[in-house]
Amino acid sequence: MSFWLTAILMFSFWILLSGEFDLLLLLLGVISSLLVAYWSHDLLIDRFDFRVFLEKTWRFLKYLPWLLWQIVLANIELVYLTLHPKMPIEPEIITFNPDLKTDFGIISLANSITLTPGTVTIVASKDEFIVHAITKSAAESLISGEMQARVKEVEGKDV
């Protein structure tokens, strides 16, 4: 199952990038997608369980609007900081220990932090996160752990 799913994903990505629908090029895309799937299907999709996939997708789709709202709020704060005559920035480096169990959770939290304007993940590991925040309020929102709790919810209990 993982072989065919990987092949379909690779071919879909190939079509998206190439945008070509000539028969010869489509055939080359199918062949290259099948070869890549043959060599790497166990790397991309280990044990595919459709029910677990749907649950994780649903949890992620519930997380996405919250993350987008946080990005909007951070953008508004950065616009305020930029336009304020005194530029009241208070850069901080904060360190915290994540309560996440999977690489997916660690990567999701690191990317969510970096996507939010005003914060950049410097180090992300299972033991420690080091983050640069441009304001004290951005640092405090990370220390509060709300984003981490929401990523943990996406990570799920099936870890």
N, C-alpha and C. Protein backbone atom coordinates (compact mmCIF):
# COMPACT_ATOMS: atom_id res chain seq x y z
N MET A 1 0.83 -1.20 0.00
CA MET A 1 0.00 0.00 0.00
C MET A 1 0.87 1.27 0.00
N SER A 2 1.96 1.25 0.78
CA SER A 2 2.80 2.45 0.86
C SER A 2 3.49 2.73 -0.47
N PHE A 3 3.81 1.66 -1.23
CA PHE A 3 4.44 1.85 -2.54
C PHE A 3 3.52 2.65 -3.46
N TRP A 4 2.27 2.23 -3.57
CA TRP A 4 1.34 2.89 -4.49
C TRP A 4 0.99 4.30 -4.03
N LEU A 5 0.83 4.47 -2.73
CA LEU A 5 0.54 5.82 -2.22
C LEU A 5 1.72 6.76 -2.48
N THR A 6 2.93 6.27 -2.27
CA THR A 6 4.12 7.08 -2.56
C THR A 6 4.20 7.41 -4.04
N ALA A 7 3.94 6.42 -4.89
CA ALA A 7 3.99 6.65 -6.34
C ALA A 7 2.96 7.69 -6.76
N ILE A 8 1.76 7.61 -6.22
CA ILE A 8 0.71 8.58 -6.56
C ILE A 8 1.10 9.98 -6.08
N LEU A 9 1.63 10.07 -4.85
CA LEU A 9 2.07 11.38 -4.34
C LEU A 9 3.20 11.96 -5.20
N MET A 10 4.16 11.12 -5.56
CA MET A 10 5.28 11.59 -6.40
C MET A 10 4.79 12.06 -7.77
N PHE A 11 3.90 11.30 -8.38
CA PHE A 11 3.40 11.67 -9.70
C PHE A 11 2.56 12.95 -9.62
N SER A 12 1.75 13.07 -8.58
CA SER A 12 0.96 14.30 -8.40
C SER A 12 1.87 15.51 -8.25
N PHE A 13 2.92 15.35 -7.46
CA PHE A 13 3.89 16.43 -7.26
C PHE A 13 4.60 16.74 -8.57
N TRP A 14 4.93 15.72 -9.34
CA TRP A 14 5.59 15.90 -10.63
C TRP A 14 4.69 16.70 -11.57
N ILE A 15 3.41 16.35 -11.63
CA ILE A 15 2.47 17.08 -12.50
C ILE A 15 2.36 18.53 -12.04
N LEU A 16 2.27 18.73 -10.73
CA LEU A 16 2.15 20.08 -10.18
C LEU A 16 3.35 20.94 -10.57
N LEU A 17 4.54 20.37 -10.50
CA LEU A 17 5.74 21.14 -10.83
C LEU A 17 5.96 21.31 -12.33
N SER A 18 5.66 20.26 -13.10
CA SER A 18 5.96 20.34 -14.54
C SER A 18 4.88 21.09 -15.31
N GLY A 19 3.63 20.81 -15.01
CA GLY A 19 2.54 21.45 -15.75
C GLY A 19 2.45 21.00 -17.19
N GLU A 20 3.15 19.95 -17.55
CA GLU A 20 3.16 19.43 -18.92
C GLU A 20 2.24 18.22 -19.03
N PHE A 21 1.47 18.16 -20.13
CA PHE A 21 0.54 17.06 -20.32
C PHE A 21 0.76 16.35 -21.65
N ASP A 22 1.95 16.47 -22.19
CA ASP A 22 2.33 15.74 -23.39
C ASP A 22 2.47 14.26 -23.01
N LEU A 23 2.04 13.36 -23.89
CA LEU A 23 2.01 11.93 -23.59
C LEU A 23 3.40 11.40 -23.21
N LEU A 24 4.43 11.78 -23.94
CA LEU A 24 5.78 11.31 -23.63
C LEU A 24 6.23 11.80 -22.25
N LEU A 25 5.97 13.05 -21.96
CA LEU A 25 6.38 13.59 -20.66
C LEU A 25 5.59 12.96 -19.52
N LEU A 26 4.30 12.71 -19.74
CA LEU A 26 3.51 12.02 -18.71
C LEU A 26 4.06 10.62 -18.46
N LEU A 27 4.43 9.92 -19.53
CA LEU A 27 5.00 8.58 -19.39
C LEU A 27 6.32 8.63 -18.62
N LEU A 28 7.16 9.60 -18.93
CA LEU A 28 8.41 9.75 -18.18
C LEU A 28 8.14 10.08 -16.71
N GLY A 29 7.12 10.88 -16.46
CA GLY A 29 6.74 11.20 -15.08
C GLY A 29 6.27 9.97 -14.33
N VAL A 30 5.48 9.12 -14.98
CA VAL A 30 5.02 7.89 -14.35
C VAL A 30 6.20 6.98 -14.04
N ILE A 31 7.09 6.82 -15.01
CA ILE A 31 8.25 5.94 -14.82
C ILE A 31 9.14 6.46 -13.68
N SER A 32 9.43 7.75 -13.69
CA SER A 32 10.30 8.28 -12.63
C SER A 32 9.60 8.21 -11.27
N SER A 33 8.30 8.43 -11.23
CA SER A 33 7.56 8.33 -9.96
C SER A 33 7.58 6.90 -9.43
N LEU A 34 7.42 5.93 -10.32
CA LEU A 34 7.47 4.53 -9.90
C LEU A 34 8.85 4.15 -9.39
N LEU A 35 9.90 4.64 -10.05
CA LEU A 35 11.26 4.35 -9.60
C LEU A 35 11.53 4.97 -8.22
N VAL A 36 11.14 6.22 -8.06
CA VAL A 36 11.34 6.88 -6.76
C VAL A 36 10.54 6.15 -5.68
N ALA A 37 9.31 5.77 -6.00
CA ALA A 37 8.48 5.05 -5.03
C ALA A 37 9.10 3.70 -4.67
N TYR A 38 9.66 3.02 -5.64
CA TYR A 38 10.29 1.72 -5.39
C TYR A 38 11.46 1.87 -4.41
N TRP A 39 12.27 2.91 -4.60
CA TRP A 39 13.44 3.11 -3.77
C TRP A 39 13.13 3.71 -2.40
N SER A 40 12.04 4.46 -2.29
CA SER A 40 11.85 5.23 -1.06
C SER A 40 10.48 5.08 -0.40
N HIS A 41 9.66 4.14 -0.81
CA HIS A 41 8.31 4.08 -0.25
C HIS A 41 8.31 3.84 1.25
N ASP A 42 9.28 3.12 1.77
CA ASP A 42 9.31 2.88 3.21
C ASP A 42 9.84 4.08 4.00
N LEU A 43 10.45 5.04 3.32
CA LEU A 43 10.93 6.25 3.99
C LEU A 43 9.82 7.28 4.16
N LEU A 44 8.99 7.42 3.16
CA LEU A 44 7.93 8.43 3.19
C LEU A 44 6.75 7.97 4.03
N ILE A 45 6.30 6.76 3.79
CA ILE A 45 5.13 6.23 4.49
C ILE A 45 5.51 4.87 5.04
N ASP A 46 5.65 4.78 6.35
CA ASP A 46 6.11 3.54 6.96
C ASP A 46 4.98 2.51 7.01
N ARG A 47 4.09 2.65 7.95
CA ARG A 47 2.94 1.75 8.06
C ARG A 47 1.70 2.60 7.87
N PHE A 48 1.06 2.46 6.76
CA PHE A 48 -0.07 3.33 6.45
C PHE A 48 -1.35 2.75 7.02
N ASP A 49 -1.99 3.52 7.89
CA ASP A 49 -3.28 3.16 8.44
C ASP A 49 -4.21 4.33 8.13
N PHE A 50 -5.18 4.09 7.26
CA PHE A 50 -6.03 5.16 6.77
C PHE A 50 -6.80 5.85 7.89
N ARG A 51 -7.26 5.08 8.89
CA ARG A 51 -8.02 5.66 10.00
C ARG A 51 -7.14 6.64 10.79
N VAL A 52 -5.91 6.22 11.08
CA VAL A 52 -4.98 7.09 11.82
C VAL A 52 -4.65 8.33 10.98
N PHE A 53 -4.47 8.13 9.68
CA PHE A 53 -4.20 9.25 8.78
C PHE A 53 -5.33 10.27 8.82
N LEU A 54 -6.58 9.80 8.76
CA LEU A 54 -7.73 10.71 8.81
C LEU A 54 -7.81 11.44 10.15
N GLU A 55 -7.55 10.73 11.24
CA GLU A 55 -7.59 11.37 12.56
C GLU A 55 -6.52 12.46 12.68
N LYS A 56 -5.30 12.15 12.24
CA LYS A 56 -4.22 13.15 12.32
C LYS A 56 -4.52 14.34 11.41
N THR A 57 -5.06 14.05 10.23
CA THR A 57 -5.41 15.13 9.31
C THR A 57 -6.47 16.03 9.93
N TRP A 58 -7.48 15.43 10.56
CA TRP A 58 -8.55 16.21 11.20
C TRP A 58 -7.99 17.06 12.33
N ARG A 59 -7.11 16.47 13.16
CA ARG A 59 -6.52 17.24 14.26
C ARG A 59 -5.69 18.40 13.73
N PHE A 60 -4.96 18.17 12.64
CA PHE A 60 -4.15 19.24 12.05
C PHE A 60 -5.04 20.33 11.47
N LEU A 61 -6.14 19.95 10.81
CA LEU A 61 -7.05 20.94 10.23
C LEU A 61 -7.72 21.77 11.32
N LYS A 62 -7.90 21.21 12.51
CA LYS A 62 -8.43 22.00 13.63
C LYS A 62 -7.37 22.96 14.17
N TYR A 63 -6.10 22.58 14.07
CA TYR A 63 -4.99 23.41 14.57
C TYR A 63 -4.69 24.58 13.64
N LEU A 64 -4.85 24.36 12.35
CA LEU A 64 -4.46 25.34 11.34
C LEU A 64 -5.13 26.71 11.50
N PRO A 65 -6.45 26.81 11.72
CA PRO A 65 -7.04 28.15 11.89
C PRO A 65 -6.47 28.89 13.10
N TRP A 66 -6.22 28.17 14.19
CA TRP A 66 -5.63 28.81 15.36
C TRP A 66 -4.26 29.36 15.02
N LEU A 67 -3.43 28.56 14.33
CA LEU A 67 -2.09 29.00 13.95
C LEU A 67 -2.16 30.22 13.03
N LEU A 68 -3.05 30.18 12.06
CA LEU A 68 -3.19 31.32 11.14
C LEU A 68 -3.61 32.58 11.90
N TRP A 69 -4.48 32.43 12.89
CA TRP A 69 -4.89 33.58 13.70
C TRP A 69 -3.71 34.13 14.50
N GLN A 70 -2.87 33.25 15.04
CA GLN A 70 -1.68 33.69 15.76
C GLN A 70 -0.72 34.44 14.84
N ILE A 71 -0.62 33.99 13.61
CA ILE A 71 0.24 34.67 12.63
C ILE A 71 -0.30 36.06 12.33
N VAL A 72 -1.62 36.18 12.19
CA VAL A 72 -2.25 37.49 11.94
C VAL A 72 -1.99 38.43 13.13
N LEU A 73 -2.22 37.93 14.35
CA LEU A 73 -1.99 38.76 15.54
C LEU A 73 -0.53 39.21 15.64
N ALA A 74 0.39 38.31 15.37
CA ALA A 74 1.81 38.65 15.43
C ALA A 74 2.18 39.67 14.35
N ASN A 75 1.57 39.55 13.18
CA ASN A 75 1.81 40.54 12.12
C ASN A 75 1.33 41.92 12.55
N ILE A 76 0.17 41.98 13.17
CA ILE A 76 -0.36 43.27 13.64
C ILE A 76 0.58 43.87 14.68
N GLU A 77 1.07 43.03 15.60
CA GLU A 77 2.01 43.52 16.61
C GLU A 77 3.30 44.03 15.98
N LEU A 78 3.80 43.33 14.97
CA LEU A 78 5.03 43.78 14.30
C LEU A 78 4.82 45.07 13.52
N VAL A 79 3.66 45.23 12.92
CA VAL A 79 3.36 46.50 12.24
C VAL A 79 3.36 47.64 13.26
N TYR A 80 2.74 47.40 14.41
CA TYR A 80 2.72 48.40 15.47
C TYR A 80 4.15 48.75 15.90
N LEU A 81 4.97 47.72 16.13
CA LEU A 81 6.36 47.95 16.56
C LEU A 81 7.14 48.73 15.51
N THR A 82 6.91 48.41 14.25
CA THR A 82 7.63 49.07 13.17
C THR A 82 7.23 50.53 13.01
N LEU A 83 5.94 50.80 13.16
CA LEU A 83 5.45 52.16 12.96
C LEU A 83 5.56 53.03 14.22
N HIS A 84 5.75 52.43 15.37
CA HIS A 84 5.87 53.19 16.61
C HIS A 84 7.16 54.00 16.56
N PRO A 85 7.10 55.29 16.93
CA PRO A 85 8.28 56.14 16.83
C PRO A 85 9.48 55.65 17.66
N LYS A 86 9.23 55.01 18.80
CA LYS A 86 10.33 54.57 19.65
C LYS A 86 10.72 53.11 19.42
N MET A 87 10.03 52.43 18.53
CA MET A 87 10.29 50.99 18.26
C MET A 87 10.50 50.21 19.56
N PRO A 88 9.46 50.00 20.32
CA PRO A 88 9.61 49.37 21.65
C PRO A 88 9.84 47.85 21.58
N ILE A 89 10.97 47.47 21.01
CA ILE A 89 11.28 46.04 20.96
C ILE A 89 12.09 45.65 22.19
N GLU A 90 11.90 44.44 22.65
CA GLU A 90 12.64 43.89 23.78
C GLU A 90 13.07 42.47 23.40
N PRO A 91 14.09 42.33 22.57
CA PRO A 91 14.48 40.99 22.13
C PRO A 91 14.91 40.10 23.29
N GLU A 92 14.51 38.85 23.21
CA GLU A 92 14.86 37.88 24.24
C GLU A 92 15.18 36.54 23.60
N ILE A 93 16.06 35.83 24.23
CA ILE A 93 16.32 34.43 23.89
C ILE A 93 15.72 33.61 25.03
N ILE A 94 14.79 32.72 24.69
CA ILE A 94 14.18 31.90 25.73
C ILE A 94 14.49 30.43 25.47
N THR A 95 14.53 29.69 26.54
CA THR A 95 14.78 28.25 26.48
C THR A 95 13.67 27.54 27.23
N PHE A 96 13.16 26.47 26.64
CA PHE A 96 12.17 25.66 27.35
C PHE A 96 12.29 24.21 26.90
N ASN A 97 11.77 23.33 27.73
CA ASN A 97 11.78 21.91 27.42
C ASN A 97 10.43 21.51 26.85
N PRO A 98 10.41 20.99 25.64
CA PRO A 98 9.12 20.62 25.04
C PRO A 98 8.59 19.32 25.65
N ASP A 99 7.29 19.21 25.68
CA ASP A 99 6.63 18.00 26.18
C ASP A 99 6.04 17.25 24.98
N LEU A 100 6.87 17.03 23.97
CA LEU A 100 6.42 16.37 22.75
C LEU A 100 7.21 15.08 22.58
N LYS A 101 6.55 14.07 22.00
CA LYS A 101 7.17 12.75 21.96
C LYS A 101 7.67 12.33 20.58
N THR A 102 7.19 12.98 19.53
CA THR A 102 7.55 12.54 18.18
C THR A 102 8.33 13.61 17.44
N ASP A 103 9.03 13.18 16.41
CA ASP A 103 9.72 14.13 15.54
C ASP A 103 8.71 15.05 14.86
N PHE A 104 7.55 14.50 14.51
CA PHE A 104 6.49 15.31 13.90
C PHE A 104 6.10 16.46 14.83
N GLY A 105 5.94 16.17 16.11
CA GLY A 105 5.57 17.20 17.08
C GLY A 105 6.65 18.26 17.22
N ILE A 106 7.91 17.82 17.30
CA ILE A 106 9.04 18.76 17.42
C ILE A 106 9.12 19.66 16.20
N ILE A 107 9.03 19.06 15.01
CA ILE A 107 9.12 19.84 13.77
C ILE A 107 7.93 20.78 13.63
N SER A 108 6.74 20.30 13.99
CA SER A 108 5.55 21.15 13.88
C SER A 108 5.64 22.35 14.81
N LEU A 109 6.10 22.13 16.04
CA LEU A 109 6.25 23.25 16.97
C LEU A 109 7.32 24.23 16.47
N ALA A 110 8.45 23.71 16.02
CA ALA A 110 9.52 24.59 15.53
C ALA A 110 9.05 25.41 14.34
N ASN A 111 8.35 24.79 13.41
CA ASN A 111 7.85 25.52 12.24
C ASN A 111 6.76 26.51 12.63
N SER A 112 5.89 26.14 13.56
CA SER A 112 4.84 27.06 14.00
C SER A 112 5.43 28.29 14.66
N ILE A 113 6.47 28.09 15.47
CA ILE A 113 7.13 29.23 16.12
C ILE A 113 7.77 30.13 15.08
N THR A 114 8.47 29.55 14.12
CA THR A 114 9.17 30.34 13.11
C THR A 114 8.21 31.01 12.14
N LEU A 115 7.07 30.38 11.87
CA LEU A 115 6.07 31.00 10.99
C LEU A 115 5.41 32.21 11.63
N THR A 116 5.39 32.25 12.95
CA THR A 116 4.77 33.37 13.66
C THR A 116 5.76 34.53 13.66
N PRO A 117 5.41 35.64 13.01
CA PRO A 117 6.34 36.78 12.94
C PRO A 117 6.78 37.26 14.32
N GLY A 118 8.07 37.55 14.42
CA GLY A 118 8.61 38.03 15.69
C GLY A 118 9.27 36.94 16.51
N THR A 119 9.17 35.70 16.07
CA THR A 119 9.82 34.60 16.78
C THR A 119 10.54 33.71 15.78
N VAL A 120 11.71 33.23 16.18
CA VAL A 120 12.51 32.34 15.33
C VAL A 120 13.04 31.20 16.19
N THR A 121 12.85 29.98 15.75
CA THR A 121 13.40 28.83 16.45
C THR A 121 14.88 28.73 16.10
N ILE A 122 15.72 28.72 17.11
CA ILE A 122 17.16 28.61 16.90
C ILE A 122 17.60 27.15 17.02
N VAL A 123 17.14 26.48 18.09
CA VAL A 123 17.44 25.07 18.31
C VAL A 123 16.14 24.35 18.63
N ALA A 124 15.93 23.22 18.00
CA ALA A 124 14.74 22.41 18.27
C ALA A 124 15.16 20.96 18.45
N SER A 125 14.97 20.44 19.65
CA SER A 125 15.26 19.03 19.91
C SER A 125 14.24 18.51 20.92
N LYS A 126 14.27 17.22 21.16
CA LYS A 126 13.33 16.63 22.13
C LYS A 126 13.62 17.11 23.54
N ASP A 127 14.84 17.55 23.79
CA ASP A 127 15.23 17.97 25.13
C ASP A 127 15.12 19.47 25.36
N GLU A 128 15.29 20.27 24.29
CA GLU A 128 15.38 21.71 24.49
C GLU A 128 15.00 22.47 23.23
N PHE A 129 14.30 23.58 23.45
CA PHE A 129 14.02 24.55 22.39
C PHE A 129 14.68 25.85 22.80
N ILE A 130 15.36 26.49 21.85
CA ILE A 130 15.89 27.83 22.06
C ILE A 130 15.26 28.71 20.99
N VAL A 131 14.62 29.79 21.44
CA VAL A 131 13.84 30.63 20.53
C VAL A 131 14.21 32.09 20.75
N HIS A 132 14.34 32.84 19.66
CA HIS A 132 14.53 34.29 19.73
C HIS A 132 13.16 34.93 19.54
N ALA A 133 12.80 35.80 20.47
CA ALA A 133 11.54 36.54 20.37
C ALA A 133 11.85 38.03 20.37
N ILE A 134 11.17 38.77 19.52
CA ILE A 134 11.47 40.20 19.37
C ILE A 134 10.85 41.04 20.49
N THR A 135 9.82 40.51 21.15
CA THR A 135 9.19 41.24 22.25
C THR A 135 9.00 40.32 23.45
N LYS A 136 8.81 40.95 24.59
CA LYS A 136 8.57 40.20 25.82
C LYS A 136 7.24 39.45 25.74
N SER A 137 6.23 40.06 25.12
CA SER A 137 4.92 39.39 25.01
C SER A 137 5.00 38.15 24.14
N ALA A 138 5.81 38.20 23.08
CA ALA A 138 5.98 37.02 22.23
C ALA A 138 6.68 35.91 23.01
N ALA A 139 7.66 36.28 23.81
CA ALA A 139 8.37 35.29 24.63
C ALA A 139 7.43 34.68 25.68
N GLU A 140 6.62 35.53 26.31
CA GLU A 140 5.70 35.04 27.33
C GLU A 140 4.64 34.11 26.75
N SER A 141 4.21 34.39 25.52
CA SER A 141 3.21 33.52 24.91
C SER A 141 3.79 32.13 24.63
N LEU A 142 5.08 32.07 24.35
CA LEU A 142 5.72 30.76 24.15
C LEU A 142 5.91 30.04 25.48
N ILE A 143 6.28 30.79 26.50
CA ILE A 143 6.49 30.20 27.82
C ILE A 143 5.18 29.68 28.39
N SER A 144 4.06 30.34 28.06
CA SER A 144 2.76 29.89 28.58
C SER A 144 2.43 28.48 28.12
N GLY A 145 2.95 28.09 26.96
CA GLY A 145 2.79 26.71 26.51
C GLY A 145 1.54 26.41 25.71
N GLU A 146 0.77 27.44 25.33
CA GLU A 146 -0.46 27.18 24.58
C GLU A 146 -0.17 26.56 23.22
N MET A 147 0.82 27.10 22.51
CA MET A 147 1.15 26.54 21.20
C MET A 147 1.64 25.10 21.34
N GLN A 148 2.45 24.86 22.35
CA GLN A 148 2.96 23.51 22.58
C GLN A 148 1.82 22.54 22.89
N ALA A 149 0.85 22.99 23.69
CA ALA A 149 -0.30 22.13 24.02
C ALA A 149 -1.12 21.82 22.78
N ARG A 150 -1.28 22.79 21.91
CA ARG A 150 -2.05 22.56 20.69
C ARG A 150 -1.32 21.63 19.73
N VAL A 151 0.00 21.76 19.65
CA VAL A 151 0.78 20.84 18.81
C VAL A 151 0.72 19.43 19.40
N LYS A 152 0.76 19.33 20.72
CA LYS A 152 0.66 18.02 21.37
C LYS A 152 -0.69 17.37 21.06
N GLU A 153 -1.73 18.18 20.99
CA GLU A 153 -3.05 17.67 20.62
C GLU A 153 -3.04 17.13 19.19
N VAL A 154 -2.36 17.83 18.28
CA VAL A 154 -2.25 17.36 16.90
C VAL A 154 -1.43 16.07 16.86
N GLU A 155 -0.39 16.02 17.66
CA GLU A 155 0.47 14.84 17.74
C GLU A 155 -0.35 13.61 18.12
N GLY A 156 -1.30 13.78 19.03
CA GLY A 156 -2.26 12.73 19.35
C GLY A 156 -1.80 11.73 20.37
N LYS A 157 -2.73 10.84 20.68
CA LYS A 157 -2.48 9.81 21.68
C LYS A 157 -1.92 8.54 21.07
N ASP A 158 -1.97 8.44 19.74
CA ASP A 158 -1.52 7.22 19.07
C ASP A 158 -0.01 7.22 18.85
N VAL A 159 0.72 7.93 19.69
CA VAL A 159 2.17 8.04 19.56
C VAL A 159 2.82 6.76 20.05
